[in-house]
Amino acid sequence: MEKKISVITSVFNGEKTIEDTILSVLNQDYINFELIIVDGLSKDLTIKIVQKYADNDTRIKIISEKDKGIYDAFNKGILNSSGDIIMFVNADDFLFPNALTGINKNFDIQNNHLFAGSLSMINEADNYNKNIF
């Protein structure tokens, strides 16, 4: 069964990385998602970059207001989400191809309420530093 996935991204002054994050979500083969970007009133070009994509894709929601930090931003995203599954992808993170398909496929295998996946850490030169499973 295809579930709606809410991807929540918290960002503050993330103009260098936010576009890669957005594209990694939009380029998924899975289409039943919403991307909620919670911006803490960035002072750089972050909101302009985000708005460019939101203007062309109704699955993107923007919340841009002062917050009390990343967990406050996450909570705002959760309160504005409508998905069956909620996940967090920070503004300097990205999803590998087919990630949302894998999450949808595997989420209910054992009727769990929490799902954790693997993580690969890379540096700015796109060199893999560490894999965490």
N, C-alpha and C. Protein backbone atom coordinates (compact mmCIF):
# COMPACT_ATOMS: atom_id res chain seq x y z
N MET A 1 0.84 -1.17 0.00
CA MET A 1 0.00 0.00 0.00
C MET A 1 0.89 1.25 0.00
N GLU A 2 0.60 2.16 -0.87
CA GLU A 2 1.39 3.38 -0.98
C GLU A 2 0.94 4.40 0.06
N LYS A 3 1.86 4.78 0.94
CA LYS A 3 1.56 5.75 1.98
C LYS A 3 2.09 7.12 1.59
N LYS A 4 1.46 8.15 2.12
CA LYS A 4 1.98 9.50 1.92
C LYS A 4 3.11 9.73 2.92
N ILE A 5 4.24 10.23 2.40
CA ILE A 5 5.40 10.50 3.24
C ILE A 5 5.58 12.01 3.36
N SER A 6 5.64 12.49 4.61
CA SER A 6 5.93 13.90 4.87
C SER A 6 7.43 14.01 5.16
N VAL A 7 8.12 14.74 4.30
CA VAL A 7 9.54 15.00 4.49
C VAL A 7 9.66 16.40 5.07
N ILE A 8 10.23 16.51 6.26
CA ILE A 8 10.36 17.79 6.94
C ILE A 8 11.82 18.21 6.92
N THR A 9 12.05 19.41 6.42
CA THR A 9 13.40 19.98 6.35
C THR A 9 13.44 21.28 7.12
N SER A 10 14.31 21.32 8.11
CA SER A 10 14.55 22.53 8.89
C SER A 10 15.77 23.24 8.30
N VAL A 11 15.68 24.56 8.16
CA VAL A 11 16.79 25.29 7.55
C VAL A 11 16.92 26.68 8.14
N PHE A 12 18.15 27.13 8.28
CA PHE A 12 18.45 28.52 8.62
C PHE A 12 19.75 28.88 7.92
N ASN A 13 19.67 29.85 7.01
CA ASN A 13 20.83 30.28 6.22
C ASN A 13 21.51 29.09 5.52
N GLY A 14 20.71 28.37 4.75
CA GLY A 14 21.20 27.16 4.08
C GLY A 14 21.34 27.29 2.58
N GLU A 15 21.64 28.50 2.09
CA GLU A 15 21.66 28.71 0.64
C GLU A 15 22.66 27.81 -0.09
N LYS A 16 23.70 27.36 0.56
CA LYS A 16 24.72 26.54 -0.11
C LYS A 16 24.26 25.10 -0.33
N THR A 17 23.32 24.62 0.48
CA THR A 17 22.97 23.20 0.42
C THR A 17 21.50 22.91 0.17
N ILE A 18 20.61 23.88 0.39
CA ILE A 18 19.17 23.61 0.35
C ILE A 18 18.69 23.12 -1.02
N GLU A 19 19.28 23.61 -2.08
CA GLU A 19 18.83 23.18 -3.41
C GLU A 19 19.12 21.70 -3.64
N ASP A 20 20.29 21.23 -3.22
CA ASP A 20 20.60 19.80 -3.35
C ASP A 20 19.62 18.96 -2.53
N THR A 21 19.28 19.45 -1.36
CA THR A 21 18.31 18.74 -0.51
C THR A 21 16.96 18.65 -1.21
N ILE A 22 16.48 19.75 -1.71
CA ILE A 22 15.18 19.78 -2.39
C ILE A 22 15.20 18.86 -3.60
N LEU A 23 16.23 18.95 -4.41
CA LEU A 23 16.30 18.12 -5.62
C LEU A 23 16.37 16.63 -5.28
N SER A 24 17.03 16.28 -4.18
CA SER A 24 17.11 14.87 -3.81
C SER A 24 15.74 14.32 -3.44
N VAL A 25 14.85 15.16 -2.96
CA VAL A 25 13.48 14.74 -2.66
C VAL A 25 12.64 14.74 -3.94
N LEU A 26 12.70 15.81 -4.70
CA LEU A 26 11.88 15.91 -5.92
C LEU A 26 12.25 14.86 -6.96
N ASN A 27 13.49 14.41 -6.98
CA ASN A 27 13.93 13.44 -7.98
C ASN A 27 13.71 11.99 -7.57
N GLN A 28 12.99 11.76 -6.50
CA GLN A 28 12.66 10.40 -6.09
C GLN A 28 11.71 9.76 -7.09
N ASP A 29 11.76 8.43 -7.21
CA ASP A 29 10.82 7.73 -8.08
C ASP A 29 9.44 7.61 -7.41
N TYR A 30 9.38 7.84 -6.13
CA TYR A 30 8.15 7.80 -5.35
C TYR A 30 7.54 9.20 -5.35
N ILE A 31 6.27 9.31 -5.67
CA ILE A 31 5.70 10.65 -5.85
C ILE A 31 4.69 11.05 -4.78
N ASN A 32 4.27 10.12 -3.93
CA ASN A 32 3.26 10.42 -2.92
C ASN A 32 3.92 10.97 -1.65
N PHE A 33 4.40 12.19 -1.75
CA PHE A 33 5.06 12.84 -0.61
C PHE A 33 4.72 14.32 -0.59
N GLU A 34 5.01 14.91 0.55
CA GLU A 34 5.00 16.36 0.68
C GLU A 34 6.34 16.74 1.29
N LEU A 35 6.86 17.87 0.87
CA LEU A 35 8.11 18.39 1.41
C LEU A 35 7.77 19.67 2.16
N ILE A 36 7.96 19.63 3.47
CA ILE A 36 7.66 20.79 4.31
C ILE A 36 9.00 21.41 4.72
N ILE A 37 9.24 22.61 4.26
CA ILE A 37 10.48 23.31 4.57
C ILE A 37 10.18 24.37 5.61
N VAL A 38 10.83 24.23 6.76
CA VAL A 38 10.63 25.15 7.87
C VAL A 38 11.89 26.02 7.96
N ASP A 39 11.74 27.26 7.56
CA ASP A 39 12.85 28.23 7.52
C ASP A 39 12.75 29.16 8.73
N GLY A 40 13.85 29.31 9.44
CA GLY A 40 13.88 30.16 10.62
C GLY A 40 14.20 31.61 10.33
N LEU A 41 13.62 32.15 9.25
CA LEU A 41 13.86 33.53 8.80
C LEU A 41 15.32 33.73 8.38
N SER A 42 15.75 32.92 7.45
CA SER A 42 17.12 33.01 6.93
C SER A 42 17.43 34.40 6.42
N LYS A 43 18.67 34.79 6.57
CA LYS A 43 19.12 36.11 6.14
C LYS A 43 19.89 36.05 4.82
N ASP A 44 19.97 34.88 4.23
CA ASP A 44 20.66 34.72 2.95
C ASP A 44 19.62 34.44 1.86
N LEU A 45 19.98 33.74 0.81
CA LEU A 45 19.07 33.48 -0.32
C LEU A 45 18.25 32.19 -0.16
N THR A 46 18.27 31.60 1.01
CA THR A 46 17.57 30.33 1.22
C THR A 46 16.11 30.39 0.78
N ILE A 47 15.36 31.34 1.27
CA ILE A 47 13.92 31.38 0.99
C ILE A 47 13.65 31.62 -0.48
N LYS A 48 14.49 32.37 -1.15
CA LYS A 48 14.33 32.60 -2.59
C LYS A 48 14.52 31.29 -3.36
N ILE A 49 15.50 30.50 -2.96
CA ILE A 49 15.74 29.21 -3.60
C ILE A 49 14.56 28.27 -3.36
N VAL A 50 14.11 28.22 -2.13
CA VAL A 50 12.98 27.36 -1.77
C VAL A 50 11.72 27.78 -2.53
N GLN A 51 11.46 29.06 -2.59
CA GLN A 51 10.26 29.56 -3.26
C GLN A 51 10.25 29.21 -4.74
N LYS A 52 11.43 29.22 -5.37
CA LYS A 52 11.53 28.87 -6.79
C LYS A 52 10.97 27.46 -7.03
N TYR A 53 11.25 26.54 -6.16
CA TYR A 53 10.75 25.17 -6.32
C TYR A 53 9.29 25.06 -5.88
N ALA A 54 8.91 25.75 -4.81
CA ALA A 54 7.53 25.70 -4.33
C ALA A 54 6.57 26.27 -5.36
N ASP A 55 7.01 27.27 -6.12
CA ASP A 55 6.15 27.86 -7.15
C ASP A 55 5.81 26.87 -8.25
N ASN A 56 6.62 25.83 -8.41
CA ASN A 56 6.42 24.86 -9.49
C ASN A 56 5.99 23.47 -9.02
N ASP A 57 5.82 23.29 -7.72
CA ASP A 57 5.46 21.96 -7.21
C ASP A 57 4.59 22.13 -5.97
N THR A 58 3.33 21.75 -6.08
CA THR A 58 2.38 21.94 -4.98
C THR A 58 2.66 21.01 -3.80
N ARG A 59 3.55 20.05 -3.95
CA ARG A 59 3.89 19.16 -2.83
C ARG A 59 4.82 19.85 -1.82
N ILE A 60 5.32 21.03 -2.18
CA ILE A 60 6.24 21.75 -1.30
C ILE A 60 5.47 22.81 -0.52
N LYS A 61 5.60 22.74 0.81
CA LYS A 61 5.00 23.74 1.70
C LYS A 61 6.14 24.48 2.38
N ILE A 62 5.98 25.78 2.56
CA ILE A 62 7.00 26.60 3.22
C ILE A 62 6.42 27.23 4.47
N ILE A 63 7.17 27.11 5.55
CA ILE A 63 6.87 27.83 6.79
C ILE A 63 8.11 28.67 7.05
N SER A 64 7.98 29.96 7.05
CA SER A 64 9.13 30.84 7.28
C SER A 64 8.78 31.82 8.40
N GLU A 65 9.31 31.52 9.57
CA GLU A 65 9.06 32.35 10.74
C GLU A 65 10.11 32.06 11.80
N LYS A 66 10.25 32.94 12.73
CA LYS A 66 11.21 32.76 13.81
C LYS A 66 10.87 31.49 14.58
N ASP A 67 11.90 30.75 14.96
CA ASP A 67 11.68 29.57 15.78
C ASP A 67 12.66 29.56 16.94
N LYS A 68 12.53 28.56 17.77
CA LYS A 68 13.37 28.44 18.96
C LYS A 68 14.43 27.36 18.78
N GLY A 69 14.79 27.09 17.54
CA GLY A 69 15.79 26.07 17.26
C GLY A 69 15.24 24.93 16.44
N ILE A 70 16.10 23.97 16.15
CA ILE A 70 15.77 22.89 15.21
C ILE A 70 14.58 22.05 15.68
N TYR A 71 14.47 21.78 16.97
CA TYR A 71 13.37 20.93 17.43
C TYR A 71 12.04 21.67 17.39
N ASP A 72 12.07 22.95 17.61
CA ASP A 72 10.87 23.76 17.44
C ASP A 72 10.45 23.74 15.96
N ALA A 73 11.42 23.86 15.08
CA ALA A 73 11.14 23.80 13.64
C ALA A 73 10.58 22.43 13.26
N PHE A 74 11.17 21.35 13.77
CA PHE A 74 10.65 20.02 13.49
C PHE A 74 9.20 19.90 13.95
N ASN A 75 8.90 20.40 15.14
CA ASN A 75 7.53 20.32 15.66
C ASN A 75 6.56 21.11 14.78
N LYS A 76 6.99 22.27 14.28
CA LYS A 76 6.14 23.03 13.36
C LYS A 76 5.87 22.22 12.09
N GLY A 77 6.90 21.55 11.60
CA GLY A 77 6.72 20.71 10.42
C GLY A 77 5.75 19.57 10.68
N ILE A 78 5.88 18.92 11.82
CA ILE A 78 4.98 17.82 12.17
C ILE A 78 3.54 18.31 12.24
N LEU A 79 3.33 19.45 12.90
CA LEU A 79 1.97 19.98 13.05
C LEU A 79 1.34 20.36 11.71
N ASN A 80 2.16 20.63 10.71
CA ASN A 80 1.65 21.01 9.39
C ASN A 80 1.72 19.87 8.38
N SER A 81 2.04 18.68 8.85
CA SER A 81 2.17 17.55 7.93
C SER A 81 0.85 16.80 7.80
N SER A 82 0.71 16.08 6.69
CA SER A 82 -0.49 15.29 6.46
C SER A 82 -0.14 13.86 6.04
N GLY A 83 1.11 13.48 6.19
CA GLY A 83 1.54 12.16 5.75
C GLY A 83 1.25 11.05 6.75
N ASP A 84 1.31 9.82 6.24
CA ASP A 84 1.19 8.63 7.07
C ASP A 84 2.54 8.33 7.74
N ILE A 85 3.61 8.75 7.08
CA ILE A 85 4.97 8.57 7.58
C ILE A 85 5.61 9.94 7.62
N ILE A 86 6.32 10.24 8.70
CA ILE A 86 7.03 11.51 8.83
C ILE A 86 8.52 11.21 8.91
N MET A 87 9.28 11.94 8.12
CA MET A 87 10.74 11.78 8.19
C MET A 87 11.40 13.15 8.14
N PHE A 88 12.63 13.21 8.62
CA PHE A 88 13.38 14.45 8.67
C PHE A 88 14.59 14.36 7.76
N VAL A 89 14.76 15.36 6.91
CA VAL A 89 15.93 15.48 6.05
C VAL A 89 16.42 16.91 6.21
N ASN A 90 17.51 17.08 6.90
CA ASN A 90 18.00 18.43 7.18
C ASN A 90 18.50 19.13 5.93
N ALA A 91 18.71 20.43 6.04
CA ALA A 91 19.03 21.27 4.89
C ALA A 91 20.41 21.00 4.31
N ASP A 92 21.25 20.25 4.98
CA ASP A 92 22.54 19.90 4.41
C ASP A 92 22.64 18.39 4.19
N ASP A 93 21.48 17.73 4.12
CA ASP A 93 21.40 16.29 3.86
C ASP A 93 20.71 16.08 2.51
N PHE A 94 20.78 14.85 2.03
CA PHE A 94 20.05 14.51 0.81
C PHE A 94 19.65 13.05 0.86
N LEU A 95 18.66 12.70 0.06
CA LEU A 95 18.20 11.32 -0.05
C LEU A 95 18.84 10.65 -1.24
N PHE A 96 19.25 9.40 -1.06
CA PHE A 96 19.72 8.62 -2.19
C PHE A 96 18.53 8.27 -3.07
N PRO A 97 18.76 7.98 -4.35
CA PRO A 97 17.65 7.58 -5.23
C PRO A 97 16.89 6.39 -4.63
N ASN A 98 15.60 6.36 -4.84
CA ASN A 98 14.71 5.28 -4.40
C ASN A 98 14.54 5.19 -2.88
N ALA A 99 15.00 6.18 -2.14
CA ALA A 99 14.90 6.13 -0.68
C ALA A 99 13.44 6.08 -0.22
N LEU A 100 12.59 6.91 -0.80
CA LEU A 100 11.19 6.95 -0.36
C LEU A 100 10.45 5.67 -0.73
N THR A 101 10.79 5.08 -1.86
CA THR A 101 10.20 3.78 -2.23
C THR A 101 10.57 2.73 -1.20
N GLY A 102 11.83 2.72 -0.79
CA GLY A 102 12.28 1.76 0.22
C GLY A 102 11.60 1.96 1.56
N ILE A 103 11.42 3.20 1.94
CA ILE A 103 10.74 3.49 3.20
C ILE A 103 9.29 3.02 3.13
N ASN A 104 8.59 3.35 2.06
CA ASN A 104 7.20 2.91 1.92
C ASN A 104 7.10 1.39 1.93
N LYS A 105 8.00 0.73 1.25
CA LYS A 105 7.96 -0.73 1.14
C LYS A 105 8.24 -1.41 2.47
N ASN A 106 9.17 -0.87 3.24
CA ASN A 106 9.64 -1.56 4.44
C ASN A 106 9.04 -1.07 5.75
N PHE A 107 8.30 -0.01 5.73
CA PHE A 107 7.85 0.59 6.99
C PHE A 107 6.99 -0.34 7.83
N ASP A 108 6.08 -1.05 7.22
CA ASP A 108 5.13 -1.88 7.99
C ASP A 108 5.50 -3.36 8.06
N ILE A 109 6.71 -3.72 7.70
CA ILE A 109 7.07 -5.14 7.67
C ILE A 109 6.78 -5.83 9.00
N GLN A 110 7.14 -5.20 10.10
CA GLN A 110 6.90 -5.80 11.42
C GLN A 110 5.98 -4.94 12.27
N ASN A 111 5.17 -4.14 11.63
CA ASN A 111 4.22 -3.27 12.30
C ASN A 111 4.91 -2.37 13.34
N ASN A 112 6.02 -1.80 12.95
CA ASN A 112 6.76 -0.89 13.82
C ASN A 112 6.25 0.54 13.68
N HIS A 113 6.55 1.35 14.67
CA HIS A 113 6.16 2.76 14.63
C HIS A 113 7.36 3.66 14.37
N LEU A 114 8.54 3.09 14.36
CA LEU A 114 9.76 3.85 14.13
C LEU A 114 10.63 3.08 13.15
N PHE A 115 11.19 3.80 12.20
CA PHE A 115 12.03 3.18 11.18
C PHE A 115 13.33 3.97 11.10
N ALA A 116 14.45 3.30 11.17
CA ALA A 116 15.75 3.96 11.05
C ALA A 116 16.46 3.37 9.85
N GLY A 117 17.11 4.22 9.08
CA GLY A 117 17.82 3.75 7.90
C GLY A 117 19.30 4.01 8.02
N SER A 118 20.01 3.68 6.98
CA SER A 118 21.45 3.89 6.99
C SER A 118 21.77 5.33 6.59
N LEU A 119 22.96 5.74 6.93
CA LEU A 119 23.40 7.10 6.71
C LEU A 119 24.83 7.06 6.17
N SER A 120 25.10 7.82 5.15
CA SER A 120 26.46 7.96 4.64
C SER A 120 26.87 9.41 4.84
N MET A 121 28.01 9.61 5.45
CA MET A 121 28.51 10.96 5.67
C MET A 121 29.57 11.26 4.61
N ILE A 122 29.43 12.42 3.96
CA ILE A 122 30.39 12.81 2.94
C ILE A 122 30.92 14.20 3.26
N ASN A 123 32.07 14.52 2.69
CA ASN A 123 32.59 15.87 2.87
C ASN A 123 32.25 16.71 1.65
N GLU A 124 32.68 17.95 1.63
CA GLU A 124 32.30 18.87 0.56
C GLU A 124 32.85 18.47 -0.81
N ALA A 125 33.86 17.61 -0.84
CA ALA A 125 34.43 17.14 -2.10
C ALA A 125 33.74 15.86 -2.57
N ASP A 126 32.58 15.53 -1.97
CA ASP A 126 31.81 14.33 -2.29
C ASP A 126 32.57 13.04 -2.04
N ASN A 127 33.48 13.07 -1.09
CA ASN A 127 34.20 11.85 -0.69
C ASN A 127 33.50 11.25 0.52
N TYR A 128 33.24 9.95 0.46
CA TYR A 128 32.59 9.28 1.58
C TYR A 128 33.55 9.20 2.75
N ASN A 129 33.11 9.64 3.90
CA ASN A 129 33.91 9.56 5.12
C ASN A 129 33.53 8.38 5.98
N LYS A 130 32.23 8.10 6.07
CA LYS A 130 31.79 7.12 7.02
C LYS A 130 30.38 6.64 6.66
N ASN A 131 30.11 5.37 6.85
CA ASN A 131 28.77 4.83 6.70
C ASN A 131 28.28 4.41 8.07
N ILE A 132 27.04 4.74 8.39
CA ILE A 132 26.43 4.37 9.65
C ILE A 132 25.17 3.59 9.32
N PHE A 133 25.02 2.42 9.89
CA PHE A 133 23.86 1.59 9.60
C PHE A 133 23.05 1.35 10.86
